Amino acid sequence: SSPNKNMAQLNHGVVMTKYVGARGKSGSNDAHAEYVAELRALFDDAGVTWQTGEIGKVDPGGGGTIAYMLARYEMDVIDCGVGVMSMHAPMEVVGKFDLYMAYRGFSAFLA
Protein backbone atom coordinates (compact mmCIF):
# COMPACT_ATOMS: atom_id res chain seq x y z
CA SER A 1 0.00 0.00 0.00
CA SER A 2 1.19 3.52 -0.66
CA PRO A 3 1.42 6.32 1.93
CA ASN A 4 -1.53 8.65 2.22
CA LYS A 5 -1.88 12.09 3.75
CA ASN A 6 -3.09 10.68 7.09
CA MET A 7 -0.02 8.54 7.72
CA ALA A 8 2.89 9.75 9.81
CA GLN A 9 6.21 9.77 7.97
CA LEU A 10 9.65 8.93 9.29
CA ASN A 11 11.90 11.91 10.10
CA HIS A 12 9.04 14.43 9.91
CA GLY A 13 8.76 14.96 13.68
CA VAL A 14 6.91 13.61 16.68
CA VAL A 15 3.39 12.33 15.90
CA MET A 16 0.25 13.70 17.59
CA THR A 17 -2.93 11.67 17.23
CA LYS A 18 -6.07 13.27 18.64
CA TYR A 19 -8.44 10.34 18.13
CA VAL A 20 -7.74 6.67 18.72
CA GLY A 21 -9.90 3.75 19.64
CA ALA A 22 -11.46 0.40 19.02
CA ARG A 23 -14.91 -1.14 19.39
CA GLY A 24 -16.68 2.02 18.28
CA LYS A 25 -16.93 4.69 20.98
CA SER A 26 -16.61 2.28 23.92
CA GLY A 27 -12.83 2.00 23.73
CA SER A 28 -11.91 5.34 22.23
CA ASN A 29 -10.93 8.89 23.09
CA ASP A 30 -11.03 12.17 21.20
CA ALA A 31 -9.12 15.22 22.45
CA HIS A 32 -10.81 18.62 22.58
CA ALA A 33 -9.70 21.05 19.87
CA GLU A 34 -8.59 23.54 22.52
CA TYR A 35 -6.24 20.99 24.09
CA VAL A 36 -4.76 20.10 20.72
CA ALA A 37 -4.21 23.83 20.06
CA GLU A 38 -2.41 24.19 23.42
CA LEU A 39 -0.06 21.32 22.60
CA ARG A 40 0.59 22.64 19.10
CA ALA A 41 1.47 26.07 20.52
CA LEU A 42 3.69 24.50 23.20
CA PHE A 43 5.59 22.47 20.60
CA ASP A 44 5.86 25.43 18.21
CA ASP A 45 7.22 27.70 20.96
CA ALA A 46 9.78 25.02 21.92
CA GLY A 47 10.90 24.55 18.31
CA VAL A 48 9.58 20.99 18.18
CA THR A 49 8.80 19.63 14.72
CA TRP A 50 5.53 17.70 14.88
CA GLN A 51 3.06 16.04 12.56
CA THR A 52 -0.43 14.67 12.87
CA GLY A 53 -1.31 11.09 12.14
CA GLU A 54 -3.93 8.46 12.61
CA ILE A 55 -3.62 4.91 13.86
CA GLY A 56 -5.99 3.32 11.37
CA LYS A 57 -9.51 2.03 11.10
CA VAL A 58 -11.34 1.96 14.42
CA ASP A 59 -13.19 -1.36 14.39
CA PRO A 60 -10.81 -3.87 12.72
CA GLY A 61 -8.63 -3.84 15.85
CA GLY A 62 -4.99 -3.18 16.51
CA GLY A 63 -3.35 0.14 17.26
CA GLY A 64 -4.71 0.38 20.77
CA THR A 65 -3.21 2.61 23.45
CA ILE A 66 -4.04 3.31 27.09
CA ALA A 67 -5.37 6.79 26.27
CA TYR A 68 -9.01 5.69 26.50
CA MET A 69 -8.44 4.48 30.07
CA LEU A 70 -7.22 7.92 31.12
CA ALA A 71 -10.01 9.64 29.18
CA ARG A 72 -12.56 7.77 31.34
CA TYR A 73 -11.51 10.11 34.16
CA GLU A 74 -12.46 13.08 31.95
CA MET A 75 -8.84 13.98 31.27
CA ASP A 76 -7.91 15.60 27.99
CA VAL A 77 -5.77 12.94 26.34
CA ILE A 78 -3.78 12.90 23.13
CA ASP A 79 -1.43 10.21 21.88
CA CYS A 80 2.00 11.56 21.11
CA GLY A 81 5.08 9.61 20.19
CA VAL A 82 7.56 8.40 17.64
CA GLY A 83 6.32 6.84 14.42
CA VAL A 84 7.44 3.21 14.16
CA MET A 85 7.76 1.16 11.00
CA SER A 86 7.09 -2.58 11.43
CA MET A 87 6.02 -2.35 15.07
CA HIS A 88 6.24 -5.68 16.94
CA ALA A 89 8.43 -7.16 14.18
CA PRO A 90 11.85 -8.57 15.02
CA MET A 91 13.41 -5.35 13.65
CA GLU A 92 11.56 -2.05 14.21
CA VAL A 93 12.59 1.18 12.48
CA VAL A 94 12.24 4.75 13.81
CA GLY A 95 13.64 8.03 12.56
CA LYS A 96 16.48 9.51 14.63
CA PHE A 97 15.06 13.02 14.08
CA ASP A 98 11.63 11.87 15.31
CA LEU A 99 13.16 10.40 18.46
CA TYR A 100 14.98 13.66 19.18
CA MET A 101 11.83 15.72 18.57
CA ALA A 102 9.91 13.43 20.93
CA TYR A 103 12.56 14.05 23.60
CA ARG A 104 12.30 17.82 23.09
CA GLY A 105 8.51 17.76 22.99
CA PHE A 106 8.16 15.67 26.14
CA SER A 107 10.71 17.89 27.91
CA ALA A 108 8.72 21.01 26.97
CA PHE A 109 5.47 19.37 28.12
CA LEU A 110 6.93 18.41 31.51
CA ALA A 111 8.70 21.75 32.10
C-alpha atoms as a PDB file:
ATOM      1  CA  SER A   1       0.000   0.000   0.000  1.00  0.00           C
ATOM      2  CA  SER A   2       1.191   3.518  -0.657  1.00  0.00           C
ATOM      3  CA  PRO A   3       1.418   6.316   1.929  1.00  0.00           C
ATOM      4  CA  ASN A   4      -1.532   8.650   2.218  1.00  0.00           C
ATOM      5  CA  LYS A   5      -1.884  12.089   3.753  1.00  0.00           C
ATOM      6  CA  ASN A   6      -3.091  10.684   7.093  1.00  0.00           C
ATOM      7  CA  MET A   7      -0.017   8.544   7.723  1.00  0.00           C
ATOM      8  CA  ALA A   8       2.894   9.746   9.806  1.00  0.00           C
ATOM      9  CA  GLN A   9       6.206   9.772   7.973  1.00  0.00           C
ATOM     10  CA  LEU A  10       9.654   8.934   9.295  1.00  0.00           C
ATOM     11  CA  ASN A  11      11.897  11.912  10.099  1.00  0.00           C
ATOM     12  CA  HIS A  12       9.042  14.426   9.907  1.00  0.00           C
ATOM     13  CA  GLY A  13       8.763  14.960  13.678  1.00  0.00           C
ATOM     14  CA  VAL A  14       6.913  13.608  16.678  1.00  0.00           C
ATOM     15  CA  VAL A  15       3.394  12.329  15.901  1.00  0.00           C
ATOM     16  CA  MET A  16       0.251  13.704  17.591  1.00  0.00           C
ATOM     17  CA  THR A  17      -2.931  11.668  17.234  1.00  0.00           C
ATOM     18  CA  LYS A  18      -6.069  13.273  18.645  1.00  0.00           C
ATOM     19  CA  TYR A  19      -8.443  10.335  18.133  1.00  0.00           C
ATOM     20  CA  VAL A  20      -7.743   6.668  18.716  1.00  0.00           C
ATOM     21  CA  GLY A  21      -9.904   3.749  19.644  1.00  0.00           C
ATOM     22  CA  ALA A  22     -11.462   0.399  19.016  1.00  0.00           C
ATOM     23  CA  ARG A  23     -14.909  -1.136  19.385  1.00  0.00           C
ATOM     24  CA  GLY A  24     -16.677   2.025  18.281  1.00  0.00           C
ATOM     25  CA  LYS A  25     -16.935   4.688  20.975  1.00  0.00           C
ATOM     26  CA  SER A  26     -16.612   2.280  23.921  1.00  0.00           C
ATOM     27  CA  GLY A  27     -12.827   1.995  23.725  1.00  0.00           C
ATOM     28  CA  SER A  28     -11.911   5.340  22.228  1.00  0.00           C
ATOM     29  CA  ASN A  29     -10.927   8.888  23.089  1.00  0.00           C
ATOM     30  CA  ASP A  30     -11.033  12.165  21.205  1.00  0.00           C
ATOM     31  CA  ALA A  31      -9.123  15.216  22.453  1.00  0.00           C
ATOM     32  CA  HIS A  32     -10.809  18.619  22.577  1.00  0.00           C
ATOM     33  CA  ALA A  33      -9.700  21.046  19.868  1.00  0.00           C
ATOM     34  CA  GLU A  34      -8.587  23.543  22.521  1.00  0.00           C
ATOM     35  CA  TYR A  35      -6.245  20.985  24.093  1.00  0.00           C
ATOM     36  CA  VAL A  36      -4.763  20.098  20.719  1.00  0.00           C
ATOM     37  CA  ALA A  37      -4.209  23.826  20.062  1.00  0.00           C
ATOM     38  CA  GLU A  38      -2.415  24.189  23.419  1.00  0.00           C
ATOM     39  CA  LEU A  39      -0.060  21.319  22.601  1.00  0.00           C
ATOM     40  CA  ARG A  40       0.592  22.639  19.098  1.00  0.00           C
ATOM     41  CA  ALA A  41       1.467  26.069  20.518  1.00  0.00           C
ATOM     42  CA  LEU A  42       3.688  24.496  23.195  1.00  0.00           C
ATOM     43  CA  PHE A  43       5.592  22.474  20.598  1.00  0.00           C
ATOM     44  CA  ASP A  44       5.856  25.431  18.209  1.00  0.00           C
ATOM     45  CA  ASP A  45       7.219  27.696  20.963  1.00  0.00           C
ATOM     46  CA  ALA A  46       9.778  25.024  21.925  1.00  0.00           C
ATOM     47  CA  GLY A  47      10.902  24.547  18.308  1.00  0.00           C
ATOM     48  CA  VAL A  48       9.584  20.987  18.180  1.00  0.00           C
ATOM     49  CA  THR A  49       8.800  19.629  14.723  1.00  0.00           C
ATOM     50  CA  TRP A  50       5.530  17.696  14.880  1.00  0.00           C
ATOM     51  CA  GLN A  51       3.056  16.036  12.556  1.00  0.00           C
ATOM     52  CA  THR A  52      -0.433  14.666  12.871  1.00  0.00           C
ATOM     53  CA  GLY A  53      -1.307  11.094  12.137  1.00  0.00           C
ATOM     54  CA  GLU A  54      -3.925   8.459  12.614  1.00  0.00           C
ATOM     55  CA  ILE A  55      -3.623   4.913  13.857  1.00  0.00           C
ATOM     56  CA  GLY A  56      -5.990   3.318  11.373  1.00  0.00           C
ATOM     57  CA  LYS A  57      -9.510   2.033  11.098  1.00  0.00           C
ATOM     58  CA  VAL A  58     -11.339   1.955  14.417  1.00  0.00           C
ATOM     59  CA  ASP A  59     -13.194  -1.356  14.385  1.00  0.00           C
ATOM     60  CA  PRO A  60     -10.808  -3.868  12.716  1.00  0.00           C
ATOM     61  CA  GLY A  61      -8.634  -3.844  15.854  1.00  0.00           C
ATOM     62  CA  GLY A  62      -4.991  -3.179  16.512  1.00  0.00           C
ATOM     63  CA  GLY A  63      -3.351   0.136  17.256  1.00  0.00           C
ATOM     64  CA  GLY A  64      -4.708   0.379  20.775  1.00  0.00           C
ATOM     65  CA  THR A  65      -3.205   2.605  23.455  1.00  0.00           C
ATOM     66  CA  ILE A  66      -4.036   3.314  27.093  1.00  0.00           C
ATOM     67  CA  ALA A  67      -5.375   6.795  26.272  1.00  0.00           C
ATOM     68  CA  TYR A  68      -9.012   5.693  26.503  1.00  0.00           C
ATOM     69  CA  MET A  69      -8.441   4.477  30.070  1.00  0.00           C
ATOM     70  CA  LEU A  70      -7.220   7.921  31.125  1.00  0.00           C
ATOM     71  CA  ALA A  71     -10.012   9.636  29.176  1.00  0.00           C
ATOM     72  CA  ARG A  72     -12.556   7.771  31.340  1.00  0.00           C
ATOM     73  CA  TYR A  73     -11.512  10.110  34.157  1.00  0.00           C
ATOM     74  CA  GLU A  74     -12.465  13.079  31.954  1.00  0.00           C
ATOM     75  CA  MET A  75      -8.837  13.980  31.267  1.00  0.00           C
ATOM     76  CA  ASP A  76      -7.910  15.603  27.990  1.00  0.00           C
ATOM     77  CA  VAL A  77      -5.769  12.940  26.338  1.00  0.00           C
ATOM     78  CA  ILE A  78      -3.783  12.900  23.133  1.00  0.00           C
ATOM     79  CA  ASP A  79      -1.429  10.211  21.876  1.00  0.00           C
ATOM     80  CA  CYS A  80       1.999  11.562  21.109  1.00  0.00           C
ATOM     81  CA  GLY A  81       5.084   9.606  20.190  1.00  0.00           C
ATOM     82  CA  VAL A  82       7.563   8.403  17.637  1.00  0.00           C
ATOM     83  CA  GLY A  83       6.315   6.840  14.421  1.00  0.00           C
ATOM     84  CA  VAL A  84       7.442   3.214  14.159  1.00  0.00           C
ATOM     85  CA  MET A  85       7.759   1.160  11.004  1.00  0.00           C
ATOM     86  CA  SER A  86       7.093  -2.576  11.429  1.00  0.00           C
ATOM     87  CA  MET A  87       6.024  -2.346  15.070  1.00  0.00           C
ATOM     88  CA  HIS A  88       6.238  -5.685  16.936  1.00  0.00           C
ATOM     89  CA  ALA A  89       8.431  -7.161  14.182  1.00  0.00           C
ATOM     90  CA  PRO A  90      11.855  -8.567  15.024  1.00  0.00           C
ATOM     91  CA  MET A  91      13.405  -5.348  13.650  1.00  0.00           C
ATOM     92  CA  GLU A  92      11.562  -2.048  14.209  1.00  0.00           C
ATOM     93  CA  VAL A  93      12.589   1.184  12.477  1.00  0.00           C
ATOM     94  CA  VAL A  94      12.239   4.746  13.810  1.00  0.00           C
ATOM     95  CA  GLY A  95      13.640   8.029  12.562  1.00  0.00           C
ATOM     96  CA  LYS A  96      16.477   9.511  14.634  1.00  0.00           C
ATOM     97  CA  PHE A  97      15.060  13.020  14.084  1.00  0.00           C
ATOM     98  CA  ASP A  98      11.626  11.867  15.310  1.00  0.00           C
ATOM     99  CA  LEU A  99      13.156  10.397  18.458  1.00  0.00           C
ATOM    100  CA  TYR A 100      14.982  13.658  19.183  1.00  0.00           C
ATOM    101  CA  MET A 101      11.835  15.723  18.570  1.00  0.00           C
ATOM    102  CA  ALA A 102       9.906  13.433  20.934  1.00  0.00           C
ATOM    103  CA  TYR A 103      12.556  14.048  23.600  1.00  0.00           C
ATOM    104  CA  ARG A 104      12.304  17.820  23.088  1.00  0.00           C
ATOM    105  CA  GLY A 105       8.507  17.761  22.989  1.00  0.00           C
ATOM    106  CA  PHE A 106       8.158  15.670  26.137  1.00  0.00           C
ATOM    107  CA  SER A 107      10.713  17.891  27.908  1.00  0.00           C
ATOM    108  CA  ALA A 108       8.716  21.009  26.966  1.00  0.00           C
ATOM    109  CA  PHE A 109       5.473  19.373  28.123  1.00  0.00           C
ATOM    110  CA  LEU A 110       6.926  18.406  31.508  1.00  0.00           C
ATOM    111  CA  ALA A 111       8.697  21.750  32.103  1.00  0.00           C
END
